[in-house]
N, C-alpha and C. Protein backbone atom coordinates (compact mmCIF):
# COMPACT_ATOMS: atom_id res chain seq x y z
N UNK A 1 -19.70 -107.71 176.80
CA UNK A 1 -18.24 -107.24 177.64
C UNK A 1 -18.50 -105.57 176.99
N UNK A 2 -18.53 -105.18 177.64
CA UNK A 2 -18.18 -103.51 176.81
C UNK A 2 -17.36 -102.96 177.36
N UNK A 3 -16.92 -102.01 175.88
CA UNK A 3 -14.94 -101.18 176.34
C UNK A 3 -16.15 -100.01 177.16
N UNK A 4 -15.61 -99.10 177.99
CA UNK A 4 -15.82 -98.03 178.22
C UNK A 4 -15.43 -96.72 177.63
N UNK A 5 -16.05 -95.29 177.17
CA UNK A 5 -15.65 -94.98 176.19
C UNK A 5 -13.98 -93.98 176.40
N UNK A 6 -13.65 -94.15 177.78
CA UNK A 6 -12.41 -93.81 177.77
C UNK A 6 -11.35 -94.87 177.46
N UNK A 7 -11.60 -96.09 177.52
CA UNK A 7 -10.66 -97.30 177.30
C UNK A 7 -10.71 -97.37 175.61
N UNK A 8 -11.58 -96.64 174.94
CA UNK A 8 -12.40 -96.88 174.00
C UNK A 8 -10.89 -95.93 173.03
N UNK A 9 -10.98 -94.53 173.57
CA UNK A 9 -10.23 -93.74 173.17
C UNK A 9 -8.63 -93.61 173.55
N UNK A 10 -8.46 -94.88 174.57
CA UNK A 10 -6.99 -95.34 174.90
C UNK A 10 -6.46 -96.02 173.58
N UNK A 11 -7.37 -96.79 173.45
CA UNK A 11 -7.30 -97.93 172.68
C UNK A 11 -6.82 -97.62 171.03
N UNK A 12 -7.89 -96.47 171.00
CA UNK A 12 -7.94 -95.81 169.20
C UNK A 12 -6.28 -95.26 169.54
N UNK A 13 -5.77 -94.17 170.04
CA UNK A 13 -4.78 -93.69 170.60
C UNK A 13 -3.67 -94.17 170.37
N UNK A 14 -3.54 -95.46 171.18
CA UNK A 14 -2.52 -96.40 171.19
C UNK A 14 -2.24 -96.66 169.35
N UNK A 15 -3.35 -97.65 168.93
CA UNK A 15 -3.37 -98.04 167.73
C UNK A 15 -2.66 -96.97 166.67
N UNK A 16 -3.24 -95.24 166.56
CA UNK A 16 -2.98 -94.80 165.81
C UNK A 16 -1.41 -94.13 166.08
N UNK A 17 -0.78 -94.62 167.00
CA UNK A 17 0.64 -94.39 167.27
C UNK A 17 1.31 -95.31 166.69
N UNK A 18 0.39 -96.79 166.88
CA UNK A 18 1.94 -97.67 166.23
C UNK A 18 1.87 -97.92 164.52
N UNK A 19 0.29 -97.56 164.15
CA UNK A 19 -0.03 -96.90 162.82
C UNK A 19 1.37 -96.06 162.42
N UNK A 20 1.12 -95.47 163.06
CA UNK A 20 3.02 -94.04 162.42
C UNK A 20 3.58 -94.43 162.66
N UNK A 21 3.79 -95.56 163.74
CA UNK A 21 5.57 -95.75 163.95
C UNK A 21 5.85 -96.72 162.70
N UNK A 22 4.90 -97.93 162.40
CA UNK A 22 5.17 -98.47 161.28
C UNK A 22 5.57 -97.69 159.96
N UNK A 23 4.52 -96.80 159.41
CA UNK A 23 4.23 -96.39 158.60
C UNK A 23 5.90 -95.21 157.94
N UNK A 24 6.21 -95.03 159.12
CA UNK A 24 7.42 -94.13 159.66
C UNK A 24 9.04 -95.01 158.91
N UNK A 25 8.35 -96.16 159.66
CA UNK A 25 9.84 -97.29 159.80
C UNK A 25 9.61 -97.67 158.18
N UNK A 26 8.39 -97.85 157.72
CA UNK A 26 8.39 -98.31 156.18
C UNK A 26 9.19 -97.58 155.38
N UNK A 27 8.69 -96.12 155.72
CA UNK A 27 9.28 -94.88 154.98
C UNK A 27 10.76 -94.99 154.48
N UNK A 28 11.90 -95.65 156.13
CA UNK A 28 12.95 -95.53 156.34
C UNK A 28 13.57 -96.64 155.39
N UNK A 29 12.71 -97.43 155.43
CA UNK A 29 13.41 -98.76 155.14
C UNK A 29 13.01 -98.76 152.94
N UNK A 30 12.07 -98.00 152.70
CA UNK A 30 12.05 -97.59 151.36
C UNK A 30 13.49 -96.54 150.88
N UNK A 31 13.64 -95.73 151.77
CA UNK A 31 14.70 -94.73 151.36
C UNK A 31 15.96 -95.33 151.21
N UNK A 32 16.19 -96.56 152.16
CA UNK A 32 17.21 -97.81 151.75
C UNK A 32 17.52 -98.39 150.96
N UNK A 33 15.95 -98.56 150.23
CA UNK A 33 15.88 -99.14 149.05
C UNK A 33 16.36 -98.14 147.86
N UNK A 34 16.01 -97.11 148.12
CA UNK A 34 16.35 -96.02 146.95
C UNK A 34 18.03 -95.94 146.88
N UNK A 35 18.13 -95.81 147.98
CA UNK A 35 20.45 -95.91 147.63
C UNK A 35 20.68 -97.25 147.58
N UNK A 36 20.37 -97.96 147.69
CA UNK A 36 20.55 -99.51 147.28
C UNK A 36 20.74 -99.29 145.59
N UNK A 37 19.43 -98.79 145.19
CA UNK A 37 19.39 -99.21 143.96
C UNK A 37 20.37 -98.41 143.01
N UNK A 38 20.67 -96.78 143.68
CA UNK A 38 21.77 -95.77 143.39
C UNK A 38 23.12 -96.59 143.29
N UNK A 39 23.25 -97.17 144.58
CA UNK A 39 24.46 -97.71 144.42
C UNK A 39 24.95 -98.77 143.64
N UNK A 40 23.57 -99.86 142.77
CA UNK A 40 23.85 -100.53 142.03
C UNK A 40 23.97 -100.08 140.88
N UNK A 41 23.68 -98.99 140.07
CA UNK A 41 23.46 -98.23 138.89
C UNK A 41 25.25 -97.67 138.98
N UNK A 42 25.30 -97.00 140.38
CA UNK A 42 26.89 -96.50 140.23
C UNK A 42 27.88 -97.59 139.48
N UNK A 43 27.83 -98.95 140.50
CA UNK A 43 28.91 -99.95 140.26
C UNK A 43 28.85 -100.13 139.24
N UNK A 44 27.26 -100.52 138.29
CA UNK A 44 27.21 -100.55 136.91
C UNK A 44 28.50 -99.65 135.71
N UNK A 45 28.06 -98.23 136.79
CA UNK A 45 28.34 -96.91 135.57
C UNK A 45 29.91 -96.88 135.72
N UNK A 46 30.20 -96.82 136.97
CA UNK A 46 31.72 -96.46 136.96
C UNK A 46 32.53 -98.26 136.71
N UNK A 47 32.17 -99.20 136.82
CA UNK A 47 33.29 -100.04 136.58
C UNK A 47 34.36 -100.52 137.46
N UNK A 48 35.38 -100.05 136.78
CA UNK A 48 36.58 -100.88 138.26
C UNK A 48 37.09 -99.45 138.90
N UNK A 49 36.25 -98.28 138.56
CA UNK A 49 36.87 -97.39 139.74
C UNK A 49 35.54 -97.36 140.65
N UNK A 50 34.23 -98.19 140.73
CA UNK A 50 33.53 -98.02 141.75
C UNK A 50 33.80 -98.05 142.94
N UNK A 51 35.03 -98.36 143.66
CA UNK A 51 35.08 -98.51 145.09
C UNK A 51 35.65 -96.61 145.72
N UNK A 52 36.03 -96.16 144.68
CA UNK A 52 36.59 -94.71 144.76
C UNK A 52 35.10 -93.68 144.55
N UNK A 53 34.52 -93.94 143.30
CA UNK A 53 33.30 -93.20 142.58
C UNK A 53 32.02 -93.52 143.74
N UNK A 54 31.57 -94.49 144.22
CA UNK A 54 30.80 -94.75 144.99
C UNK A 54 30.58 -95.21 146.37
N UNK A 55 32.21 -94.63 146.62
CA UNK A 55 32.07 -94.74 148.41
C UNK A 55 31.19 -94.23 149.22
N UNK A 56 30.49 -92.77 148.35
CA UNK A 56 29.53 -91.72 149.78
C UNK A 56 28.10 -92.90 149.60
N UNK A 57 27.96 -93.52 148.35
CA UNK A 57 26.77 -94.15 148.44
C UNK A 57 26.78 -95.08 149.44
N UNK A 58 27.65 -96.34 149.12
CA UNK A 58 28.27 -97.73 149.99
C UNK A 58 28.12 -96.70 151.22
N UNK A 59 28.70 -96.30 151.96
CA UNK A 59 28.70 -95.94 153.66
C UNK A 59 27.40 -95.74 153.79
N UNK A 60 26.81 -94.24 153.27
CA UNK A 60 25.11 -94.02 153.08
C UNK A 60 24.22 -95.56 153.68
N UNK A 61 24.71 -96.38 153.00
CA UNK A 61 23.96 -97.81 152.52
C UNK A 61 24.01 -98.15 153.87
N UNK A 62 25.32 -99.02 154.18
CA UNK A 62 25.59 -99.38 155.31
C UNK A 62 24.70 -98.98 156.73
N UNK A 63 24.90 -97.31 156.37
CA UNK A 63 24.55 -96.41 157.75
C UNK A 63 23.13 -96.32 157.78
N UNK A 64 22.51 -97.01 156.94
CA UNK A 64 20.99 -97.03 156.59
C UNK A 64 20.42 -98.31 157.31
N UNK A 65 21.23 -98.85 156.74
CA UNK A 65 21.13 -101.09 157.02
C UNK A 65 20.68 -100.87 158.53
N UNK A 66 21.87 -100.08 159.10
CA UNK A 66 21.98 -100.50 160.68
C UNK A 66 21.01 -99.60 161.49
N UNK A 67 20.28 -98.39 161.30
CA UNK A 67 19.72 -97.63 161.49
C UNK A 67 18.00 -97.73 161.28
N UNK A 68 17.85 -98.17 159.73
CA UNK A 68 16.34 -98.22 159.49
C UNK A 68 16.03 -99.49 159.93
N UNK A 69 15.94 -100.43 160.26
CA UNK A 69 15.48 -101.58 160.80
C UNK A 69 13.69 -101.72 160.98
N UNK A 70 12.62 -102.32 160.08
CA UNK A 70 11.43 -102.34 159.90
C UNK A 70 11.06 -103.11 161.19
N UNK A 71 10.05 -102.24 162.02
CA UNK A 71 9.80 -102.42 163.21
C UNK A 71 8.03 -102.31 163.52
N UNK A 72 7.51 -103.94 163.77
CA UNK A 72 6.06 -103.79 164.34
C UNK A 72 5.86 -103.96 165.12
N UNK A 73 4.21 -104.31 165.47
CA UNK A 73 3.58 -104.30 166.33
C UNK A 73 2.89 -105.93 166.25
N UNK A 74 2.90 -106.94 167.37
CA UNK A 74 2.15 -108.30 167.11
C UNK A 74 0.74 -107.83 167.57
N UNK A 75 0.34 -107.24 168.99
CA UNK A 75 -1.43 -107.26 168.85
C UNK A 75 -1.04 -106.23 169.65
N UNK A 76 -2.48 -105.73 170.32
CA UNK A 76 -3.17 -104.70 171.14
C UNK A 76 -3.58 -105.37 171.71
N UNK A 77 -2.82 -104.82 173.25
CA UNK A 77 -3.78 -105.11 174.77
C UNK A 77 -4.87 -104.64 174.60
N UNK A 78 -5.83 -106.13 175.05
CA UNK A 78 -7.15 -105.37 175.00
C UNK A 78 -7.84 -105.64 176.54
C-alpha cells in the first residue's frame, strides 16, 4: 500500500505542526517550573513575611498552572 506524494506531504505537515505544539506546551510547563522554584526560594528567604513578599510569584504561578497544561497527541491518522 503506497502513499502518494500529496498524502505524504500532508502527513509530514501535520506531524511538524504536532511537534511544534508539543514543544511549545513543554516550554510553557518549564516556565511554570521556574516560577515555582523562585516561589519556593522566596518562601525560604522571607520566612514569616512570605505571604506579603511572595504574593506576586504565587499569583503568577497559579495563573500559569491554569493556562499551561501539557497537551500531546495520541496518534497520527494514516
